[in-house]
Amino acid sequence: MKKYKSFLLILVLSFASFSSQAMELLKQDANNIIVSKTELKTDENLLLFRLNEIKTMDKSTLTTYERNKLRKEVRVIKKELVRSSGGIYLSVGAILLIILLLIILL
């Protein structure tokens, strides 16, 4: 029983130290995250501007080769927009839960 209590105490203390370290890292990286998001927004704006240019073009004067190139460009731009907008986000609670499950199972 004493081993169980000491293990539980060590586990709680380790999680407390992890959370304080994580908060410090979040405070340090806040400026870098803001800068990268603004850079992404400008790239996205450029891509959206190009899409609007393609939509407003008069495509009746284009050859089939040029139309195919435009279609491919639109596909690439749309894939880039989808890739830059999505991601997997894990909360601190989810990470702690995963670590607990790994400790219990291993």
C-alpha atoms as a PDB file:
ATOM      1  CA  MET A   1       0.000   0.000   0.000  1.00  0.00           C
ATOM      2  CA  LYS A   2       2.894   2.315   0.787  1.00  0.00           C
ATOM      3  CA  LYS A   3       4.385   1.750  -2.664  1.00  0.00           C
ATOM      4  CA  TYR A   4       1.078   2.679  -4.272  1.00  0.00           C
ATOM      5  CA  LYS A   5       0.876   5.961  -2.319  1.00  0.00           C
ATOM      6  CA  SER A   6       4.460   6.899  -3.153  1.00  0.00           C
ATOM      7  CA  PHE A   7       3.898   6.083  -6.828  1.00  0.00           C
ATOM      8  CA  LEU A   8       0.758   8.216  -6.869  1.00  0.00           C
ATOM      9  CA  LEU A   9       2.579  11.098  -5.185  1.00  0.00           C
ATOM     10  CA  ILE A  10       5.437  10.933  -7.695  1.00  0.00           C
ATOM     11  CA  LEU A  11       2.953  10.813 -10.551  1.00  0.00           C
ATOM     12  CA  VAL A  12       1.053  13.888  -9.328  1.00  0.00           C
ATOM     13  CA  LEU A  13       4.252  15.859  -8.755  1.00  0.00           C
ATOM     14  CA  SER A  14       5.600  14.990 -12.188  1.00  0.00           C
ATOM     15  CA  PHE A  15       2.375  16.137 -13.873  1.00  0.00           C
ATOM     16  CA  ALA A  16       2.480  19.379 -11.908  1.00  0.00           C
ATOM     17  CA  SER A  17       6.030  20.064 -13.070  1.00  0.00           C
ATOM     18  CA  PHE A  18       5.110  19.215 -16.684  1.00  0.00           C
ATOM     19  CA  SER A  19       2.215  21.649 -16.677  1.00  0.00           C
ATOM     20  CA  SER A  20       4.328  24.522 -15.295  1.00  0.00           C
ATOM     21  CA  GLN A  21       7.026  23.885 -17.901  1.00  0.00           C
ATOM     22  CA  ALA A  22       4.432  23.782 -20.648  1.00  0.00           C
ATOM     23  CA  MET A  23       2.992  27.132 -19.573  1.00  0.00           C
ATOM     24  CA  GLU A  24       6.454  28.715 -19.683  1.00  0.00           C
ATOM     25  CA  LEU A  25       7.051  27.349 -23.172  1.00  0.00           C
ATOM     26  CA  LEU A  26       3.678  28.632 -24.335  1.00  0.00           C
ATOM     27  CA  LYS A  27       4.492  32.115 -23.072  1.00  0.00           C
ATOM     28  CA  GLN A  28       7.878  32.097 -24.837  1.00  0.00           C
ATOM     29  CA  ASP A  29       6.533  30.865 -28.164  1.00  0.00           C
ATOM     30  CA  ALA A  30       3.476  33.138 -28.279  1.00  0.00           C
ATOM     31  CA  ASN A  31       5.258  35.783 -30.350  1.00  0.00           C
ATOM     32  CA  ASN A  32       6.567  33.243 -32.856  1.00  0.00           C
ATOM     33  CA  ILE A  33       3.098  31.762 -33.326  1.00  0.00           C
ATOM     34  CA  ILE A  34       1.553  35.173 -33.997  1.00  0.00           C
ATOM     35  CA  VAL A  35       4.193  35.988 -36.616  1.00  0.00           C
ATOM     36  CA  SER A  36       3.773  32.663 -38.398  1.00  0.00           C
ATOM     37  CA  LYS A  37      -0.021  33.046 -38.482  1.00  0.00           C
ATOM     38  CA  THR A  38       0.264  36.473 -40.100  1.00  0.00           C
ATOM     39  CA  GLU A  39       2.661  35.068 -42.667  1.00  0.00           C
ATOM     40  CA  LEU A  40       0.199  32.279 -43.428  1.00  0.00           C
ATOM     41  CA  LYS A  41      -2.618  34.782 -43.816  1.00  0.00           C
ATOM     42  CA  THR A  42      -0.648  36.768 -46.399  1.00  0.00           C
ATOM     43  CA  ASP A  43       0.120  33.592 -48.361  1.00  0.00           C
ATOM     44  CA  GLU A  44      -3.525  32.568 -48.205  1.00  0.00           C
ATOM     45  CA  ASN A  45      -4.587  36.016 -49.344  1.00  0.00           C
ATOM     46  CA  LEU A  46      -2.254  35.795 -52.331  1.00  0.00           C
ATOM     47  CA  LEU A  47      -3.650  32.404 -53.271  1.00  0.00           C
ATOM     48  CA  LEU A  48      -7.228  33.613 -52.911  1.00  0.00           C
ATOM     49  CA  PHE A  49      -6.416  36.682 -55.001  1.00  0.00           C
ATOM     50  CA  ARG A  50      -5.028  34.439 -57.749  1.00  0.00           C
ATOM     51  CA  LEU A  51      -8.163  32.266 -57.634  1.00  0.00           C
ATOM     52  CA  ASN A  52     -10.332  35.351 -58.051  1.00  0.00           C
ATOM     53  CA  GLU A  53      -8.189  36.470 -60.991  1.00  0.00           C
ATOM     54  CA  ILE A  54      -8.684  33.122 -62.695  1.00  0.00           C
ATOM     55  CA  LYS A  55     -12.443  33.246 -62.084  1.00  0.00           C
ATOM     56  CA  THR A  56     -12.777  36.696 -63.631  1.00  0.00           C
ATOM     57  CA  MET A  57     -10.693  35.823 -66.703  1.00  0.00           C
ATOM     58  CA  ASP A  58     -12.298  35.605 -70.113  1.00  0.00           C
ATOM     59  CA  LYS A  59     -11.640  31.958 -70.867  1.00  0.00           C
ATOM     60  CA  SER A  60     -13.337  31.918 -74.261  1.00  0.00           C
ATOM     61  CA  THR A  61     -10.199  33.264 -75.941  1.00  0.00           C
ATOM     62  CA  LEU A  62      -7.889  30.686 -74.379  1.00  0.00           C
ATOM     63  CA  THR A  63      -6.662  27.552 -76.098  1.00  0.00           C
ATOM     64  CA  THR A  64      -7.345  24.130 -74.637  1.00  0.00           C
ATOM     65  CA  TYR A  65      -3.743  23.858 -73.481  1.00  0.00           C
ATOM     66  CA  GLU A  66      -4.020  27.155 -71.580  1.00  0.00           C
ATOM     67  CA  ARG A  67      -7.361  26.120 -70.032  1.00  0.00           C
ATOM     68  CA  ASN A  68      -5.826  22.844 -68.858  1.00  0.00           C
ATOM     69  CA  LYS A  69      -2.932  24.745 -67.291  1.00  0.00           C
ATOM     70  CA  LEU A  70      -5.408  27.007 -65.494  1.00  0.00           C
ATOM     71  CA  ARG A  71      -7.364  24.005 -64.191  1.00  0.00           C
ATOM     72  CA  LYS A  72      -4.187  22.422 -62.871  1.00  0.00           C
ATOM     73  CA  GLU A  73      -3.190  25.704 -61.239  1.00  0.00           C
ATOM     74  CA  VAL A  74      -6.601  25.979 -59.561  1.00  0.00           C
ATOM     75  CA  ARG A  75      -6.307  22.419 -58.237  1.00  0.00           C
ATOM     76  CA  VAL A  76      -2.848  23.104 -56.824  1.00  0.00           C
ATOM     77  CA  ILE A  77      -4.009  26.339 -55.188  1.00  0.00           C
ATOM     78  CA  LYS A  78      -7.022  24.631 -53.609  1.00  0.00           C
ATOM     79  CA  LYS A  79      -4.852  21.803 -52.262  1.00  0.00           C
ATOM     80  CA  GLU A  80      -2.446  24.361 -50.810  1.00  0.00           C
ATOM     81  CA  LEU A  81      -5.293  26.236 -49.116  1.00  0.00           C
ATOM     82  CA  VAL A  82      -6.676  23.025 -47.602  1.00  0.00           C
ATOM     83  CA  ARG A  83      -3.249  21.954 -46.406  1.00  0.00           C
ATOM     84  CA  SER A  84      -2.476  25.304 -44.785  1.00  0.00           C
ATOM     85  CA  SER A  85      -5.819  25.619 -43.014  1.00  0.00           C
ATOM     86  CA  GLY A  86      -6.109  22.249 -41.264  1.00  0.00           C
ATOM     87  CA  GLY A  87      -4.206  20.469 -38.550  1.00  0.00           C
ATOM     88  CA  ILE A  88      -4.428  18.190 -35.553  1.00  0.00           C
ATOM     89  CA  TYR A  89      -4.647  19.911 -32.206  1.00  0.00           C
ATOM     90  CA  LEU A  90      -4.212  18.124 -28.900  1.00  0.00           C
ATOM     91  CA  SER A  91      -5.118  19.726 -25.620  1.00  0.00           C
ATOM     92  CA  VAL A  92      -2.983  19.353 -22.522  1.00  0.00           C
ATOM     93  CA  GLY A  93      -5.633  17.119 -20.974  1.00  0.00           C
ATOM     94  CA  ALA A  94      -5.579  14.789 -23.955  1.00  0.00           C
ATOM     95  CA  ILE A  95      -1.799  14.542 -23.821  1.00  0.00           C
ATOM     96  CA  LEU A  96      -1.921  13.762 -20.096  1.00  0.00           C
ATOM     97  CA  LEU A  97      -4.554  11.105 -20.715  1.00  0.00           C
ATOM     98  CA  ILE A  98      -2.407   9.485 -23.403  1.00  0.00           C
ATOM     99  CA  ILE A  99       0.613   9.486 -21.099  1.00  0.00           C
ATOM    100  CA  LEU A 100      -1.425   7.940 -18.277  1.00  0.00           C
ATOM    101  CA  LEU A 101      -2.708   5.216 -20.562  1.00  0.00           C
ATOM    102  CA  LEU A 102       0.807   4.469 -21.765  1.00  0.00           C
ATOM    103  CA  ILE A 103       2.078   4.255 -18.189  1.00  0.00           C
ATOM    104  CA  ILE A 104      -0.760   1.957 -17.152  1.00  0.00           C
ATOM    105  CA  LEU A 105      -0.480  -0.320 -20.174  1.00  0.00           C
ATOM    106  CA  LEU A 106       3.294  -0.529 -20.243  1.00  0.00           C
END
